[in-house]
Amino acid sequence: VVSANASTARFGVRVAGEAKALALRPANLQPAAEAVEVGRLILKAAEWSPQSHELFPEAARKRAVEVMRLGYLIAWDEERFDSREGAAPELADIWRGFVLPRVVVR
């Protein structure tokens, strides 16, 4: 049987007639907090993004740079975008946000 008192942050456990009180203190919660941080890091590193770039292996980071260079070449192609003075900076943003995460893998 498990009982809880939210006002005191104490939990009780009764096993075979013996009662034990457990107090939740910051020291008790530290391993759980560390596990949550590890989980966040894993989720962050699951898909490539500018924020997770440093979490990827060197080969994947190099691939990201190569693919981003290609995106910049396309975005700044003067013949392709002559009506805009050869620049389409928003294309580079779209490339970074949608193409790179699908191309750069572990």
PDB file of N, CA and C in Angstrom:
ATOM      1  N   VAL A   1       0.856  -1.168   0.000  1.00  0.00           N
ATOM      2  CA  VAL A   1       0.000   0.000   0.000  1.00  0.00           C
ATOM      3  C   VAL A   1       0.896   1.223   0.000  1.00  0.00           C
ATOM      4  N   VAL A   2       0.579   2.172  -0.843  1.00  0.00           N
ATOM      5  CA  VAL A   2       1.356   3.412  -0.928  1.00  0.00           C
ATOM      6  C   VAL A   2       0.446   4.549  -0.534  1.00  0.00           C
ATOM      7  N   SER A   3       0.935   5.449   0.328  1.00  0.00           N
ATOM      8  CA  SER A   3       0.171   6.634   0.696  1.00  0.00           C
ATOM      9  C   SER A   3       1.054   7.856   0.504  1.00  0.00           C
ATOM     10  N   ALA A   4       0.415   9.005   0.305  1.00  0.00           N
ATOM     11  CA  ALA A   4       1.182  10.223   0.068  1.00  0.00           C
ATOM     12  C   ALA A   4       0.556  11.386   0.798  1.00  0.00           C
ATOM     13  N   ASN A   5       1.408  12.303   1.227  1.00  0.00           N
ATOM     14  CA  ASN A   5       0.976  13.550   1.842  1.00  0.00           C
ATOM     15  C   ASN A   5       1.683  14.661   1.088  1.00  0.00           C
ATOM     16  N   ALA A   6       0.950  15.321   0.217  1.00  0.00           N
ATOM     17  CA  ALA A   6       1.560  16.342  -0.630  1.00  0.00           C
ATOM     18  C   ALA A   6       2.082  17.531   0.163  1.00  0.00           C
ATOM     19  N   SER A   7       1.460  17.852   1.276  1.00  0.00           N
ATOM     20  CA  SER A   7       1.897  19.030   2.032  1.00  0.00           C
ATOM     21  C   SER A   7       3.259  18.820   2.682  1.00  0.00           C
ATOM     22  N   THR A   8       3.608  17.589   2.987  1.00  0.00           N
ATOM     23  CA  THR A   8       4.913  17.329   3.617  1.00  0.00           C
ATOM     24  C   THR A   8       5.904  16.671   2.663  1.00  0.00           C
ATOM     25  N   ALA A   9       5.471  16.387   1.463  1.00  0.00           N
ATOM     26  CA  ALA A   9       6.307  15.708   0.466  1.00  0.00           C
ATOM     27  C   ALA A   9       6.829  14.386   0.997  1.00  0.00           C
ATOM     28  N   ARG A  10       5.998  13.702   1.763  1.00  0.00           N
ATOM     29  CA  ARG A  10       6.376  12.395   2.312  1.00  0.00           C
ATOM     30  C   ARG A  10       5.465  11.327   1.726  1.00  0.00           C
ATOM     31  N   PHE A  11       6.069  10.224   1.428  1.00  0.00           N
ATOM     32  CA  PHE A  11       5.335   9.093   0.912  1.00  0.00           C
ATOM     33  C   PHE A  11       5.518   7.935   1.874  1.00  0.00           C
ATOM     34  N   GLY A  12       4.497   7.155   2.011  1.00  0.00           N
ATOM     35  CA  GLY A  12       4.594   5.998   2.899  1.00  0.00           C
ATOM     36  C   GLY A  12       4.371   4.720   2.130  1.00  0.00           C
ATOM     37  N   VAL A  13       5.055   3.683   2.538  1.00  0.00           N
ATOM     38  CA  VAL A  13       4.918   2.382   1.910  1.00  0.00           C
ATOM     39  C   VAL A  13       4.686   1.365   3.017  1.00  0.00           C
ATOM     40  N   ARG A  14       3.668   0.526   2.853  1.00  0.00           N
ATOM     41  CA  ARG A  14       3.390  -0.520   3.831  1.00  0.00           C
ATOM     42  C   ARG A  14       3.560  -1.866   3.122  1.00  0.00           C
ATOM     43  N   VAL A  15       4.515  -2.637   3.599  1.00  0.00           N
ATOM     44  CA  VAL A  15       4.788  -3.947   3.021  1.00  0.00           C
ATOM     45  C   VAL A  15       4.671  -4.980   4.135  1.00  0.00           C
ATOM     46  N   ALA A  16       3.735  -5.903   3.987  1.00  0.00           N
ATOM     47  CA  ALA A  16       3.530  -6.998   4.953  1.00  0.00           C
ATOM     48  C   ALA A  16       3.462  -6.476   6.382  1.00  0.00           C
ATOM     49  N   GLY A  17       2.631  -5.451   6.597  1.00  0.00           N
ATOM     50  CA  GLY A  17       2.412  -4.940   7.939  1.00  0.00           C
ATOM     51  C   GLY A  17       3.477  -3.992   8.443  1.00  0.00           C
ATOM     52  N   GLU A  18       4.567  -3.789   7.710  1.00  0.00           N
ATOM     53  CA  GLU A  18       5.635  -2.902   8.150  1.00  0.00           C
ATOM     54  C   GLU A  18       5.530  -1.585   7.382  1.00  0.00           C
ATOM     55  N   ALA A  19       5.481  -0.477   8.084  1.00  0.00           N
ATOM     56  CA  ALA A  19       5.347   0.831   7.444  1.00  0.00           C
ATOM     57  C   ALA A  19       6.696   1.531   7.412  1.00  0.00           C
ATOM     58  N   LYS A  20       6.994   2.143   6.268  1.00  0.00           N
ATOM     59  CA  LYS A  20       8.219   2.934   6.119  1.00  0.00           C
ATOM     60  C   LYS A  20       7.848   4.242   5.455  1.00  0.00           C
ATOM     61  N   ALA A  21       8.390   5.336   5.959  1.00  0.00           N
ATOM     62  CA  ALA A  21       8.147   6.653   5.382  1.00  0.00           C
ATOM     63  C   ALA A  21       9.326   7.030   4.498  1.00  0.00           C
ATOM     64  N   LEU A  22       9.025   7.550   3.350  1.00  0.00           N
ATOM     65  CA  LEU A  22      10.056   8.014   2.425  1.00  0.00           C
ATOM     66  C   LEU A  22       9.882   9.514   2.225  1.00  0.00           C
ATOM     67  N   ALA A  23      10.925  10.255   2.405  1.00  0.00           N
ATOM     68  CA  ALA A  23      10.869  11.698   2.185  1.00  0.00           C
ATOM     69  C   ALA A  23      11.545  12.014   0.858  1.00  0.00           C
ATOM     70  N   LEU A  24      10.886  12.827   0.047  1.00  0.00           N
ATOM     71  CA  LEU A  24      11.481  13.267  -1.208  1.00  0.00           C
ATOM     72  C   LEU A  24      12.252  14.554  -0.943  1.00  0.00           C
ATOM     73  N   ARG A  25      13.528  14.473  -1.067  1.00  0.00           N
ATOM     74  CA  ARG A  25      14.401  15.630  -0.871  1.00  0.00           C
ATOM     75  C   ARG A  25      15.199  15.825  -2.150  1.00  0.00           C
ATOM     76  N   PRO A  26      15.765  17.006  -2.333  1.00  0.00           N
ATOM     77  CA  PRO A  26      16.545  17.236  -3.558  1.00  0.00           C
ATOM     78  C   PRO A  26      17.612  16.171  -3.801  1.00  0.00           C
ATOM     79  N   ALA A  27      18.256  15.683  -2.765  1.00  0.00           N
ATOM     80  CA  ALA A  27      19.270  14.647  -2.952  1.00  0.00           C
ATOM     81  C   ALA A  27      18.652  13.367  -3.492  1.00  0.00           C
ATOM     82  N   ASN A  28      17.425  13.060  -3.062  1.00  0.00           N
ATOM     83  CA  ASN A  28      16.738  11.862  -3.546  1.00  0.00           C
ATOM     84  C   ASN A  28      16.332  12.019  -5.013  1.00  0.00           C
ATOM     85  N   LEU A  29      16.064  13.229  -5.432  1.00  0.00           N
ATOM     86  CA  LEU A  29      15.562  13.485  -6.778  1.00  0.00           C
ATOM     87  C   LEU A  29      16.684  13.692  -7.794  1.00  0.00           C
ATOM     88  N   GLN A  30      17.914  13.847  -7.350  1.00  0.00           N
ATOM     89  CA  GLN A  30      19.028  14.123  -8.260  1.00  0.00           C
ATOM     90  C   GLN A  30      19.168  13.076  -9.356  1.00  0.00           C
ATOM     91  N   PRO A  31      19.144  11.778  -9.053  1.00  0.00           N
ATOM     92  CA  PRO A  31      19.254  10.795 -10.138  1.00  0.00           C
ATOM     93  C   PRO A  31      18.127  10.921 -11.171  1.00  0.00           C
ATOM     94  N   ALA A  32      16.924  11.218 -10.709  1.00  0.00           N
ATOM     95  CA  ALA A  32      15.805  11.389 -11.647  1.00  0.00           C
ATOM     96  C   ALA A  32      16.016  12.612 -12.518  1.00  0.00           C
ATOM     97  N   ALA A  33      16.503  13.699 -11.929  1.00  0.00           N
ATOM     98  CA  ALA A  33      16.758  14.917 -12.695  1.00  0.00           C
ATOM     99  C   ALA A  33      17.842  14.674 -13.735  1.00  0.00           C
ATOM    100  N   GLU A  34      18.859  13.922 -13.371  1.00  0.00           N
ATOM    101  CA  GLU A  34      19.917  13.593 -14.323  1.00  0.00           C
ATOM    102  C   GLU A  34      19.380  12.732 -15.458  1.00  0.00           C
ATOM    103  N   ALA A  35      18.503  11.818 -15.146  1.00  0.00           N
ATOM    104  CA  ALA A  35      17.910  10.964 -16.179  1.00  0.00           C
ATOM    105  C   ALA A  35      17.071  11.785 -17.148  1.00  0.00           C
ATOM    106  N   VAL A  36      16.350  12.770 -16.630  1.00  0.00           N
ATOM    107  CA  VAL A  36      15.548  13.645 -17.485  1.00  0.00           C
ATOM    108  C   VAL A  36      16.465  14.438 -18.418  1.00  0.00           C
ATOM    109  N   GLU A  37      17.580  14.945 -17.895  1.00  0.00           N
ATOM    110  CA  GLU A  37      18.525  15.689 -18.729  1.00  0.00           C
ATOM    111  C   GLU A  37      19.120  14.807 -19.817  1.00  0.00           C
ATOM    112  N   VAL A  38      19.449  13.575 -19.476  1.00  0.00           N
ATOM    113  CA  VAL A  38      19.980  12.640 -20.465  1.00  0.00           C
ATOM    114  C   VAL A  38      18.932  12.384 -21.547  1.00  0.00           C
ATOM    115  N   GLY A  39      17.685  12.224 -21.144  1.00  0.00           N
ATOM    116  CA  GLY A  39      16.604  12.028 -22.106  1.00  0.00           C
ATOM    117  C   GLY A  39      16.445  13.213 -23.037  1.00  0.00           C
ATOM    118  N   ARG A  40      16.532  14.399 -22.491  1.00  0.00           N
ATOM    119  CA  ARG A  40      16.442  15.614 -23.330  1.00  0.00           C
ATOM    120  C   ARG A  40      17.584  15.677 -24.328  1.00  0.00           C
ATOM    121  N   LEU A  41      18.789  15.326 -23.877  1.00  0.00           N
ATOM    122  CA  LEU A  41      19.954  15.336 -24.759  1.00  0.00           C
ATOM    123  C   LEU A  41      19.783  14.323 -25.884  1.00  0.00           C
ATOM    124  N   ILE A  42      19.255  13.152 -25.566  1.00  0.00           N
ATOM    125  CA  ILE A  42      19.030  12.128 -26.595  1.00  0.00           C
ATOM    126  C   ILE A  42      18.018  12.616 -27.618  1.00  0.00           C
ATOM    127  N   LEU A  43      16.938  13.220 -27.154  1.00  0.00           N
ATOM    128  CA  LEU A  43      15.933  13.742 -28.080  1.00  0.00           C
ATOM    129  C   LEU A  43      16.495  14.861 -28.938  1.00  0.00           C
ATOM    130  N   LYS A  44      17.295  15.711 -28.329  1.00  0.00           N
ATOM    131  CA  LYS A  44      17.906  16.818 -29.063  1.00  0.00           C
ATOM    132  C   LYS A  44      18.830  16.298 -30.153  1.00  0.00           C
ATOM    133  N   ALA A  45      19.545  15.237 -29.862  1.00  0.00           N
ATOM    134  CA  ALA A  45      20.520  14.698 -30.806  1.00  0.00           C
ATOM    135  C   ALA A  45      19.911  13.738 -31.819  1.00  0.00           C
ATOM    136  N   ALA A  46      18.652  13.429 -31.697  1.00  0.00           N
ATOM    137  CA  ALA A  46      18.029  12.450 -32.585  1.00  0.00           C
ATOM    138  C   ALA A  46      17.990  12.936 -34.028  1.00  0.00           C
ATOM    139  N   GLU A  47      17.697  14.185 -34.238  1.00  0.00           N
ATOM    140  CA  GLU A  47      17.605  14.752 -35.583  1.00  0.00           C
ATOM    141  C   GLU A  47      18.564  15.923 -35.692  1.00  0.00           C
ATOM    142  N   TRP A  48      19.220  16.043 -36.845  1.00  0.00           N
ATOM    143  CA  TRP A  48      20.176  17.128 -37.027  1.00  0.00           C
ATOM    144  C   TRP A  48      19.456  18.470 -37.001  1.00  0.00           C
ATOM    145  N   SER A  49      20.066  19.419 -36.346  1.00  0.00           N
ATOM    146  CA  SER A  49      19.639  20.813 -36.364  1.00  0.00           C
ATOM    147  C   SER A  49      20.872  21.645 -36.055  1.00  0.00           C
ATOM    148  N   PRO A  50      20.822  22.943 -36.304  1.00  0.00           N
ATOM    149  CA  PRO A  50      21.979  23.763 -35.932  1.00  0.00           C
ATOM    150  C   PRO A  50      22.320  23.632 -34.442  1.00  0.00           C
ATOM    151  N   GLN A  51      21.300  23.427 -33.607  1.00  0.00           N
ATOM    152  CA  GLN A  51      21.526  23.302 -32.171  1.00  0.00           C
ATOM    153  C   GLN A  51      22.137  21.949 -31.794  1.00  0.00           C
ATOM    154  N   SER A  52      21.867  20.899 -32.576  1.00  0.00           N
ATOM    155  CA  SER A  52      22.394  19.574 -32.251  1.00  0.00           C
ATOM    156  C   SER A  52      23.627  19.222 -33.070  1.00  0.00           C
ATOM    157  N   HIS A  53      24.074  20.122 -33.907  1.00  0.00           N
ATOM    158  CA  HIS A  53      25.196  19.868 -34.820  1.00  0.00           C
ATOM    159  C   HIS A  53      26.410  19.286 -34.093  1.00  0.00           C
ATOM    160  N   GLU A  54      26.792  19.874 -32.957  1.00  0.00           N
ATOM    161  CA  GLU A  54      27.997  19.422 -32.242  1.00  0.00           C
ATOM    162  C   GLU A  54      27.827  18.043 -31.613  1.00  0.00           C
ATOM    163  N   LEU A  55      26.606  17.536 -31.529  1.00  0.00           N
ATOM    164  CA  LEU A  55      26.354  16.223 -30.946  1.00  0.00           C
ATOM    165  C   LEU A  55      26.491  15.086 -31.962  1.00  0.00           C
ATOM    166  N   PHE A  56      26.675  15.437 -33.236  1.00  0.00           N
ATOM    167  CA  PHE A  56      26.780  14.440 -34.287  1.00  0.00           C
ATOM    168  C   PHE A  56      28.240  14.053 -34.512  1.00  0.00           C
ATOM    169  N   PRO A  57      28.469  12.854 -35.039  1.00  0.00           N
ATOM    170  CA  PRO A  57      29.846  12.434 -35.348  1.00  0.00           C
ATOM    171  C   PRO A  57      30.478  13.366 -36.392  1.00  0.00           C
ATOM    172  N   GLU A  58      31.786  13.366 -36.441  1.00  0.00           N
ATOM    173  CA  GLU A  58      32.506  14.263 -37.338  1.00  0.00           C
ATOM    174  C   GLU A  58      32.077  14.095 -38.797  1.00  0.00           C
ATOM    175  N   ALA A  59      31.916  12.858 -39.255  1.00  0.00           N
ATOM    176  CA  ALA A  59      31.521  12.623 -40.650  1.00  0.00           C
ATOM    177  C   ALA A  59      30.159  13.250 -40.950  1.00  0.00           C
ATOM    178  N   ALA A  60      29.226  13.143 -40.035  1.00  0.00           N
ATOM    179  CA  ALA A  60      27.895  13.727 -40.234  1.00  0.00           C
ATOM    180  C   ALA A  60      27.974  15.251 -40.224  1.00  0.00           C
ATOM    181  N   ARG A  61      28.816  15.817 -39.375  1.00  0.00           N
ATOM    182  CA  ARG A  61      28.968  17.276 -39.342  1.00  0.00           C
ATOM    183  C   ARG A  61      29.566  17.787 -40.643  1.00  0.00           C
ATOM    184  N   LYS A  62      30.543  17.049 -41.181  1.00  0.00           N
ATOM    185  CA  LYS A  62      31.133  17.432 -42.469  1.00  0.00           C
ATOM    186  C   LYS A  62      30.085  17.366 -43.573  1.00  0.00           C
ATOM    187  N   ARG A  63      29.260  16.340 -43.524  1.00  0.00           N
ATOM    188  CA  ARG A  63      28.180  16.196 -44.520  1.00  0.00           C
ATOM    189  C   ARG A  63      27.213  17.374 -44.426  1.00  0.00           C
ATOM    190  N   ALA A  64      26.900  17.796 -43.207  1.00  0.00           N
ATOM    191  CA  ALA A  64      26.007  18.943 -43.021  1.00  0.00           C
ATOM    192  C   ALA A  64      26.599  20.193 -43.661  1.00  0.00           C
ATOM    193  N   VAL A  65      27.882  20.400 -43.488  1.00  0.00           N
ATOM    194  CA  VAL A  65      28.541  21.575 -44.083  1.00  0.00           C
ATOM    195  C   VAL A  65      28.490  21.497 -45.602  1.00  0.00           C
ATOM    196  N   GLU A  66      28.778  20.316 -46.154  1.00  0.00           N
ATOM    197  CA  GLU A  66      28.744  20.148 -47.618  1.00  0.00           C
ATOM    198  C   GLU A  66      27.345  20.415 -48.175  1.00  0.00           C
ATOM    199  N   VAL A  67      26.343  19.846 -47.538  1.00  0.00           N
ATOM    200  CA  VAL A  67      24.969  20.000 -48.023  1.00  0.00           C
ATOM    201  C   VAL A  67      24.513  21.447 -47.863  1.00  0.00           C
ATOM    202  N   MET A  68      24.925  22.114 -46.802  1.00  0.00           N
ATOM    203  CA  MET A  68      24.554  23.519 -46.615  1.00  0.00           C
ATOM    204  C   MET A  68      25.215  24.391 -47.671  1.00  0.00           C
ATOM    205  N   ARG A  69      26.454  24.073 -48.025  1.00  0.00           N
ATOM    206  CA  ARG A  69      27.122  24.826 -49.110  1.00  0.00           C
ATOM    207  C   ARG A  69      26.335  24.702 -50.404  1.00  0.00           C
ATOM    208  N   LEU A  70      25.848  23.502 -50.687  1.00  0.00           N
ATOM    209  CA  LEU A  70      25.029  23.295 -51.881  1.00  0.00           C
ATOM    210  C   LEU A  70      23.772  24.158 -51.813  1.00  0.00           C
ATOM    211  N   GLY A  71      23.150  24.225 -50.645  1.00  0.00           N
ATOM    212  CA  GLY A  71      21.970  25.078 -50.484  1.00  0.00           C
ATOM    213  C   GLY A  71      22.279  26.540 -50.739  1.00  0.00           C
ATOM    214  N   TYR A  72      23.430  27.001 -50.243  1.00  0.00           N
ATOM    215  CA  TYR A  72      23.820  28.394 -50.503  1.00  0.00           C
ATOM    216  C   TYR A  72      24.088  28.627 -51.988  1.00  0.00           C
ATOM    217  N   LEU A  73      24.716  27.676 -52.655  1.00  0.00           N
ATOM    218  CA  LEU A  73      24.966  27.827 -54.093  1.00  0.00           C
ATOM    219  C   LEU A  73      23.658  27.959 -54.865  1.00  0.00           C
ATOM    220  N   ILE A  74      22.676  27.164 -54.501  1.00  0.00           N
ATOM    221  CA  ILE A  74      21.373  27.246 -55.167  1.00  0.00           C
ATOM    222  C   ILE A  74      20.696  28.573 -54.832  1.00  0.00           C
ATOM    223  N   ALA A  75      20.726  28.971 -53.585  1.00  0.00           N
ATOM    224  CA  ALA A  75      20.035  30.196 -53.159  1.00  0.00           C
ATOM    225  C   ALA A  75      20.642  31.450 -53.781  1.00  0.00           C
ATOM    226  N   TRP A  76      21.936  31.427 -54.042  1.00  0.00           N
ATOM    227  CA  TRP A  76      22.604  32.622 -54.574  1.00  0.00           C
ATOM    228  C   TRP A  76      22.923  32.506 -56.054  1.00  0.00           C
ATOM    229  N   ASP A  77      22.263  31.594 -56.763  1.00  0.00           N
ATOM    230  CA  ASP A  77      22.465  31.422 -58.199  1.00  0.00           C
ATOM    231  C   ASP A  77      21.832  32.595 -58.933  1.00  0.00           C
ATOM    232  N   GLU A  78      22.670  33.451 -59.506  1.00  0.00           N
ATOM    233  CA  GLU A  78      22.179  34.678 -60.150  1.00  0.00           C
ATOM    234  C   GLU A  78      21.293  34.390 -61.356  1.00  0.00           C
ATOM    235  N   GLU A  79      21.582  33.342 -62.100  1.00  0.00           N
ATOM    236  CA  GLU A  79      20.755  33.014 -63.262  1.00  0.00           C
ATOM    237  C   GLU A  79      19.382  32.508 -62.848  1.00  0.00           C
ATOM    238  N   ARG A  80      19.330  31.789 -61.759  1.00  0.00           N
ATOM    239  CA  ARG A  80      18.073  31.210 -61.299  1.00  0.00           C
ATOM    240  C   ARG A  80      17.146  32.279 -60.714  1.00  0.00           C
ATOM    241  N   PHE A  81      17.708  33.252 -60.037  1.00  0.00           N
ATOM    242  CA  PHE A  81      16.904  34.257 -59.334  1.00  0.00           C
ATOM    243  C   PHE A  81      17.255  35.667 -59.812  1.00  0.00           C
ATOM    244  N   ASP A  82      17.293  35.865 -61.134  1.00  0.00           N
ATOM    245  CA  ASP A  82      17.729  37.156 -61.667  1.00  0.00           C
ATOM    246  C   ASP A  82      16.771  38.288 -61.307  1.00  0.00           C
ATOM    247  N   SER A  83      15.513  37.988 -61.072  1.00  0.00           N
ATOM    248  CA  SER A  83      14.575  39.053 -60.714  1.00  0.00           C
ATOM    249  C   SER A  83      14.806  39.542 -59.285  1.00  0.00           C
ATOM    250  N   ARG A  84      15.575  38.811 -58.507  1.00  0.00           N
ATOM    251  CA  ARG A  84      15.806  39.181 -57.105  1.00  0.00           C
ATOM    252  C   ARG A  84      17.277  39.493 -56.880  1.00  0.00           C
ATOM    253  N   GLU A  85      17.955  39.933 -57.915  1.00  0.00           N
ATOM    254  CA  GLU A  85      19.381  40.262 -57.838  1.00  0.00           C
ATOM    255  C   GLU A  85      20.212  39.055 -57.421  1.00  0.00           C
ATOM    256  N   GLY A  86      19.785  37.876 -57.832  1.00  0.00           N
ATOM    257  CA  GLY A  86      20.563  36.676 -57.606  1.00  0.00           C
ATOM    258  C   GLY A  86      20.576  36.157 -56.186  1.00  0.00           C
ATOM    259  N   ALA A  87      19.651  36.601 -55.378  1.00  0.00           N
ATOM    260  CA  ALA A  87      19.682  36.140 -53.990  1.00  0.00           C
ATOM    261  C   ALA A  87      18.305  35.672 -53.539  1.00  0.00           C
ATOM    262  N   ALA A  88      18.293  34.563 -52.875  1.00  0.00           N
ATOM    263  CA  ALA A  88      17.075  34.051 -52.259  1.00  0.00           C
ATOM    264  C   ALA A  88      17.449  33.532 -50.872  1.00  0.00           C
ATOM    265  N   PRO A  89      17.764  34.456 -49.947  1.00  0.00           N
ATOM    266  CA  PRO A  89      18.247  34.025 -48.624  1.00  0.00           C
ATOM    267  C   PRO A  89      17.255  33.141 -47.878  1.00  0.00           C
ATOM    268  N   GLU A  90      15.966  33.337 -48.113  1.00  0.00           N
ATOM    269  CA  GLU A  90      14.998  32.482 -47.421  1.00  0.00           C
ATOM    270  C   GLU A  90      15.105  31.035 -47.875  1.00  0.00           C
ATOM    271  N   LEU A  91      15.592  30.801 -49.098  1.00  0.00           N
ATOM    272  CA  LEU A  91      15.797  29.439 -49.562  1.00  0.00           C
ATOM    273  C   LEU A  91      16.870  28.746 -48.717  1.00  0.00           C
ATOM    274  N   ALA A  92      17.904  29.464 -48.348  1.00  0.00           N
ATOM    275  CA  ALA A  92      18.944  28.888 -47.485  1.00  0.00           C
ATOM    276  C   ALA A  92      18.361  28.523 -46.121  1.00  0.00           C
ATOM    277  N   ASP A  93      17.469  29.353 -45.597  1.00  0.00           N
ATOM    278  CA  ASP A  93      16.826  29.044 -44.314  1.00  0.00           C
ATOM    279  C   ASP A  93      15.958  27.794 -44.419  1.00  0.00           C
ATOM    280  N   ILE A  94      15.202  27.703 -45.504  1.00  0.00           N
ATOM    281  CA  ILE A  94      14.345  26.529 -45.724  1.00  0.00           C
ATOM    282  C   ILE A  94      15.216  25.287 -45.903  1.00  0.00           C
ATOM    283  N   TRP A  95      16.291  25.433 -46.656  1.00  0.00           N
ATOM    284  CA  TRP A  95      17.222  24.326 -46.878  1.00  0.00           C
ATOM    285  C   TRP A  95      17.758  23.809 -45.536  1.00  0.00           C
ATOM    286  N   ARG A  96      18.171  24.728 -44.679  1.00  0.00           N
ATOM    287  CA  ARG A  96      18.725  24.372 -43.371  1.00  0.00           C
ATOM    288  C   ARG A  96      17.665  23.694 -42.500  1.00  0.00           C
ATOM    289  N   GLY A  97      16.446  24.193 -42.557  1.00  0.00           N
ATOM    290  CA  GLY A  97      15.395  23.681 -41.681  1.00  0.00           C
ATOM    291  C   GLY A  97      14.732  22.397 -42.142  1.00  0.00           C
ATOM    292  N   PHE A  98      14.688  22.168 -43.466  1.00  0.00           N
ATOM    293  CA  PHE A  98      13.947  21.010 -43.962  1.00  0.00           C
ATOM    294  C   PHE A  98      14.801  19.978 -44.696  1.00  0.00           C
ATOM    295  N   VAL A  99      15.806  20.418 -45.432  1.00  0.00           N
ATOM    296  CA  VAL A  99      16.620  19.462 -46.185  1.00  0.00           C
ATOM    297  C   VAL A  99      17.684  18.823 -45.296  1.00  0.00           C
ATOM    298  N   LEU A 100      18.444  19.631 -44.596  1.00  0.00           N
ATOM    299  CA  LEU A 100      19.535  19.080 -43.788  1.00  0.00           C
ATOM    300  C   LEU A 100      19.085  18.043 -42.764  1.00  0.00           C
ATOM    301  N   PRO A 101      18.020  18.261 -42.014  1.00  0.00           N
ATOM    302  CA  PRO A 101      17.630  17.230 -41.046  1.00  0.00           C
ATOM    303  C   PRO A 101      17.291  15.885 -41.683  1.00  0.00           C
ATOM    304  N   ARG A 102      16.914  15.884 -42.960  1.00  0.00           N
ATOM    305  CA  ARG A 102      16.561  14.634 -43.624  1.00  0.00           C
ATOM    306  C   ARG A 102      17.762  13.987 -44.318  1.00  0.00           C
ATOM    307  N   VAL A 103      18.786  14.792 -44.582  1.00  0.00           N
ATOM    308  CA  VAL A 103      19.958  14.286 -45.293  1.00  0.00           C
ATOM    309  C   VAL A 103      21.080  13.899 -44.329  1.00  0.00           C
ATOM    310  N   VAL A 104      21.245  14.637 -43.259  1.00  0.00           N
ATOM    311  CA  VAL A 104      22.340  14.385 -42.318  1.00  0.00           C
ATOM    312  C   VAL A 104      21.858  13.373 -41.279  1.00  0.00           C
ATOM    313  N   VAL A 105      22.479  12.211 -41.333  1.00  0.00           N
ATOM    314  CA  VAL A 105      22.132  11.132 -40.399  1.00  0.00           C
ATOM    315  C   VAL A 105      23.399  10.617 -39.743  1.00  0.00           C
ATOM    316  N   ARG A 106      23.208   9.877 -38.692  1.00  0.00           N
ATOM    317  CA  ARG A 106      24.350   9.300 -37.961  1.00  0.00           C
ATOM    318  C   ARG A 106      24.960   8.160 -38.730  1.00  0.00           C
TER     319      ARG A 106
END
